[in-house]
């Protein structure tokens, strides 16, 4: 569930909790939004609730990465979070990632993380 804190009349901070790390620390993602002037005062509450739902969906699905995140960084973090796969499967995924990194190194550029949700 999202936590919403009102900062000003049109500025809100949305915080999403996404479980706990192995050390017991809470995993949170926060975003500050500004409601556009085109939204009437009576529609602000609905606008903020919609933004909170969208952020929560992105965080829970794992796609809450910023636009500058490289695929390598995203894939590495994804691998670190996986606990349900056998060690041999994870080793296979790591080898595939190393091959992909080698290909992008040869081309001299890294591919930015794709926003899979918008496809």
C-alpha atoms as a PDB file:
ATOM      1  CA  UNK A   1       0.000   0.000   0.000  1.00  0.00           C
ATOM      2  CA  UNK A   2       1.218   3.471  -0.815  1.00  0.00           C
ATOM      3  CA  UNK A   3       1.845   6.116   1.794  1.00  0.00           C
ATOM      4  CA  UNK A   4       0.948   9.636   0.644  1.00  0.00           C
ATOM      5  CA  UNK A   5       2.223  12.764   2.381  1.00  0.00           C
ATOM      6  CA  UNK A   6       0.982  16.230   1.399  1.00  0.00           C
ATOM      7  CA  UNK A   7       3.863  18.689   1.094  1.00  0.00           C
ATOM      8  CA  UNK A   8       2.021  21.708  -0.365  1.00  0.00           C
ATOM      9  CA  UNK A   9      -1.358  22.236  -2.017  1.00  0.00           C
ATOM     10  CA  UNK A  10      -0.183  20.566  -5.234  1.00  0.00           C
ATOM     11  CA  UNK A  11       2.907  18.643  -4.161  1.00  0.00           C
ATOM     12  CA  UNK A  12       2.820  15.159  -2.646  1.00  0.00           C
ATOM     13  CA  UNK A  13       5.358  12.526  -1.631  1.00  0.00           C
ATOM     14  CA  UNK A  14       4.387   8.933  -2.428  1.00  0.00           C
ATOM     15  CA  UNK A  15       6.275   6.134  -0.659  1.00  0.00           C
ATOM     16  CA  UNK A  16       5.929   2.466  -1.554  1.00  0.00           C
ATOM     17  CA  UNK A  17       7.156  -0.339   0.701  1.00  0.00           C
ATOM     18  CA  UNK A  18       8.327  -3.416  -1.197  1.00  0.00           C
ATOM     19  CA  UNK A  19       9.243  -5.959   1.471  1.00  0.00           C
ATOM     20  CA  UNK A  20      12.426  -6.278   3.502  1.00  0.00           C
ATOM     21  CA  UNK A  21      16.103  -6.858   2.766  1.00  0.00           C
ATOM     22  CA  UNK A  22      17.869  -9.896   4.291  1.00  0.00           C
ATOM     23  CA  UNK A  23      19.273  -7.609   7.003  1.00  0.00           C
ATOM     24  CA  UNK A  24      15.719  -6.596   8.014  1.00  0.00           C
ATOM     25  CA  UNK A  25      15.777  -3.105   6.489  1.00  0.00           C
ATOM     26  CA  UNK A  26      12.617  -2.047   4.643  1.00  0.00           C
ATOM     27  CA  UNK A  27      12.816  -1.693   0.837  1.00  0.00           C
ATOM     28  CA  UNK A  28      11.153   1.611  -0.080  1.00  0.00           C
ATOM     29  CA  UNK A  29      10.773   3.665  -3.241  1.00  0.00           C
ATOM     30  CA  UNK A  30       9.659   7.281  -2.941  1.00  0.00           C
ATOM     31  CA  UNK A  31       8.566   9.777  -5.558  1.00  0.00           C
ATOM     32  CA  UNK A  32       7.537  13.402  -5.233  1.00  0.00           C
ATOM     33  CA  UNK A  33       4.835  14.504  -7.646  1.00  0.00           C
ATOM     34  CA  UNK A  34       3.429  17.888  -8.521  1.00  0.00           C
ATOM     35  CA  UNK A  35      -0.197  17.988  -9.595  1.00  0.00           C
ATOM     36  CA  UNK A  36      -0.534  20.000 -12.835  1.00  0.00           C
ATOM     37  CA  UNK A  37      -2.519  23.230 -12.772  1.00  0.00           C
ATOM     38  CA  UNK A  38      -4.897  21.713 -15.319  1.00  0.00           C
ATOM     39  CA  UNK A  39      -6.264  19.422 -12.557  1.00  0.00           C
ATOM     40  CA  UNK A  40      -9.088  21.136 -10.689  1.00  0.00           C
ATOM     41  CA  UNK A  41      -8.872  21.279  -6.870  1.00  0.00           C
ATOM     42  CA  UNK A  42     -11.608  18.675  -6.425  1.00  0.00           C
ATOM     43  CA  UNK A  43      -9.698  16.250  -8.705  1.00  0.00           C
ATOM     44  CA  UNK A  44      -6.353  16.470  -6.886  1.00  0.00           C
ATOM     45  CA  UNK A  45      -7.135  13.596  -4.545  1.00  0.00           C
ATOM     46  CA  UNK A  46      -8.051  11.291  -7.422  1.00  0.00           C
ATOM     47  CA  UNK A  47      -4.974  12.334  -9.433  1.00  0.00           C
ATOM     48  CA  UNK A  48      -2.638  11.577  -6.517  1.00  0.00           C
ATOM     49  CA  UNK A  49      -4.330   8.228  -5.830  1.00  0.00           C
ATOM     50  CA  UNK A  50      -3.893   7.263  -9.493  1.00  0.00           C
ATOM     51  CA  UNK A  51      -0.202   8.225  -9.442  1.00  0.00           C
ATOM     52  CA  UNK A  52       0.279   6.214  -6.234  1.00  0.00           C
ATOM     53  CA  UNK A  53      -1.346   3.141  -7.819  1.00  0.00           C
ATOM     54  CA  UNK A  54       0.878   3.453 -10.901  1.00  0.00           C
ATOM     55  CA  UNK A  55       4.036   3.790  -8.818  1.00  0.00           C
ATOM     56  CA  UNK A  56       3.034   0.857  -6.625  1.00  0.00           C
ATOM     57  CA  UNK A  57       2.393  -1.320  -9.682  1.00  0.00           C
ATOM     58  CA  UNK A  58       5.785  -0.409 -11.154  1.00  0.00           C
ATOM     59  CA  UNK A  59       7.641  -1.034  -7.897  1.00  0.00           C
ATOM     60  CA  UNK A  60       5.913  -4.356  -7.205  1.00  0.00           C
ATOM     61  CA  UNK A  61       6.575  -5.576 -10.766  1.00  0.00           C
ATOM     62  CA  UNK A  62      10.260  -4.591 -10.581  1.00  0.00           C
ATOM     63  CA  UNK A  63      10.171  -1.991 -13.349  1.00  0.00           C
ATOM     64  CA  UNK A  64      10.784   1.060 -11.195  1.00  0.00           C
ATOM     65  CA  UNK A  65      14.214   1.736 -12.596  1.00  0.00           C
ATOM     66  CA  UNK A  66      15.249   5.173 -13.762  1.00  0.00           C
ATOM     67  CA  UNK A  67      15.887   5.943 -17.420  1.00  0.00           C
ATOM     68  CA  UNK A  68      19.676   6.023 -16.994  1.00  0.00           C
ATOM     69  CA  UNK A  69      19.923   2.490 -15.646  1.00  0.00           C
ATOM     70  CA  UNK A  70      21.904   0.204 -17.936  1.00  0.00           C
ATOM     71  CA  UNK A  71      20.679  -3.271 -18.693  1.00  0.00           C
ATOM     72  CA  UNK A  72      23.779  -4.660 -16.988  1.00  0.00           C
ATOM     73  CA  UNK A  73      22.984  -2.851 -13.738  1.00  0.00           C
ATOM     74  CA  UNK A  74      19.324  -3.855 -13.877  1.00  0.00           C
ATOM     75  CA  UNK A  75      20.109  -7.506 -14.632  1.00  0.00           C
ATOM     76  CA  UNK A  76      22.741  -7.655 -11.890  1.00  0.00           C
ATOM     77  CA  UNK A  77      20.303  -6.286  -9.299  1.00  0.00           C
ATOM     78  CA  UNK A  78      17.622  -8.680 -10.555  1.00  0.00           C
ATOM     79  CA  UNK A  79      19.987 -11.636 -10.150  1.00  0.00           C
ATOM     80  CA  UNK A  80      20.827 -10.580  -6.599  1.00  0.00           C
ATOM     81  CA  UNK A  81      17.120 -10.615  -5.661  1.00  0.00           C
ATOM     82  CA  UNK A  82      16.454 -14.121  -6.992  1.00  0.00           C
ATOM     83  CA  UNK A  83      16.223 -16.799  -4.327  1.00  0.00           C
ATOM     84  CA  UNK A  84      13.805 -19.298  -5.847  1.00  0.00           C
ATOM     85  CA  UNK A  85      16.116 -20.569  -8.609  1.00  0.00           C
ATOM     86  CA  UNK A  86      18.629 -23.380  -8.339  1.00  0.00           C
ATOM     87  CA  UNK A  87      22.305 -22.335  -8.112  1.00  0.00           C
ATOM     88  CA  UNK A  88      22.967 -23.874 -11.539  1.00  0.00           C
ATOM     89  CA  UNK A  89      20.204 -21.751 -13.097  1.00  0.00           C
ATOM     90  CA  UNK A  90      21.593 -18.571 -11.532  1.00  0.00           C
ATOM     91  CA  UNK A  91      25.092 -19.488 -12.751  1.00  0.00           C
ATOM     92  CA  UNK A  92      23.687 -19.925 -16.257  1.00  0.00           C
ATOM     93  CA  UNK A  93      22.004 -16.502 -16.056  1.00  0.00           C
ATOM     94  CA  UNK A  94      25.288 -14.927 -14.909  1.00  0.00           C
ATOM     95  CA  UNK A  95      27.154 -16.477 -17.861  1.00  0.00           C
ATOM     96  CA  UNK A  96      24.543 -15.109 -20.269  1.00  0.00           C
ATOM     97  CA  UNK A  97      24.872 -11.670 -18.699  1.00  0.00           C
ATOM     98  CA  UNK A  98      28.671 -11.794 -19.075  1.00  0.00           C
ATOM     99  CA  UNK A  99      28.253 -12.619 -22.781  1.00  0.00           C
ATOM    100  CA  UNK A 100      25.840  -9.725 -23.254  1.00  0.00           C
ATOM    101  CA  UNK A 101      28.222  -7.371 -21.440  1.00  0.00           C
ATOM    102  CA  UNK A 102      31.047  -8.531 -23.712  1.00  0.00           C
ATOM    103  CA  UNK A 103      28.949  -7.731 -26.802  1.00  0.00           C
ATOM    104  CA  UNK A 104      28.029  -4.254 -25.571  1.00  0.00           C
ATOM    105  CA  UNK A 105      31.677  -3.571 -24.620  1.00  0.00           C
ATOM    106  CA  UNK A 106      32.776  -4.426 -28.166  1.00  0.00           C
ATOM    107  CA  UNK A 107      30.228  -2.002 -29.624  1.00  0.00           C
ATOM    108  CA  UNK A 108      31.533   0.720 -27.354  1.00  0.00           C
ATOM    109  CA  UNK A 109      28.149   1.645 -25.908  1.00  0.00           C
ATOM    110  CA  UNK A 110      25.779   0.259 -23.367  1.00  0.00           C
ATOM    111  CA  UNK A 111      22.090  -0.078 -24.021  1.00  0.00           C
ATOM    112  CA  UNK A 112      19.924   1.874 -21.558  1.00  0.00           C
ATOM    113  CA  UNK A 113      17.319  -0.054 -19.630  1.00  0.00           C
ATOM    114  CA  UNK A 114      14.176  -0.433 -21.689  1.00  0.00           C
ATOM    115  CA  UNK A 115      10.865   0.622 -20.260  1.00  0.00           C
ATOM    116  CA  UNK A 116       9.139  -2.703 -20.853  1.00  0.00           C
ATOM    117  CA  UNK A 117       5.877  -1.371 -19.486  1.00  0.00           C
ATOM    118  CA  UNK A 118       5.479   1.054 -22.389  1.00  0.00           C
ATOM    119  CA  UNK A 119       5.812  -1.653 -25.048  1.00  0.00           C
END
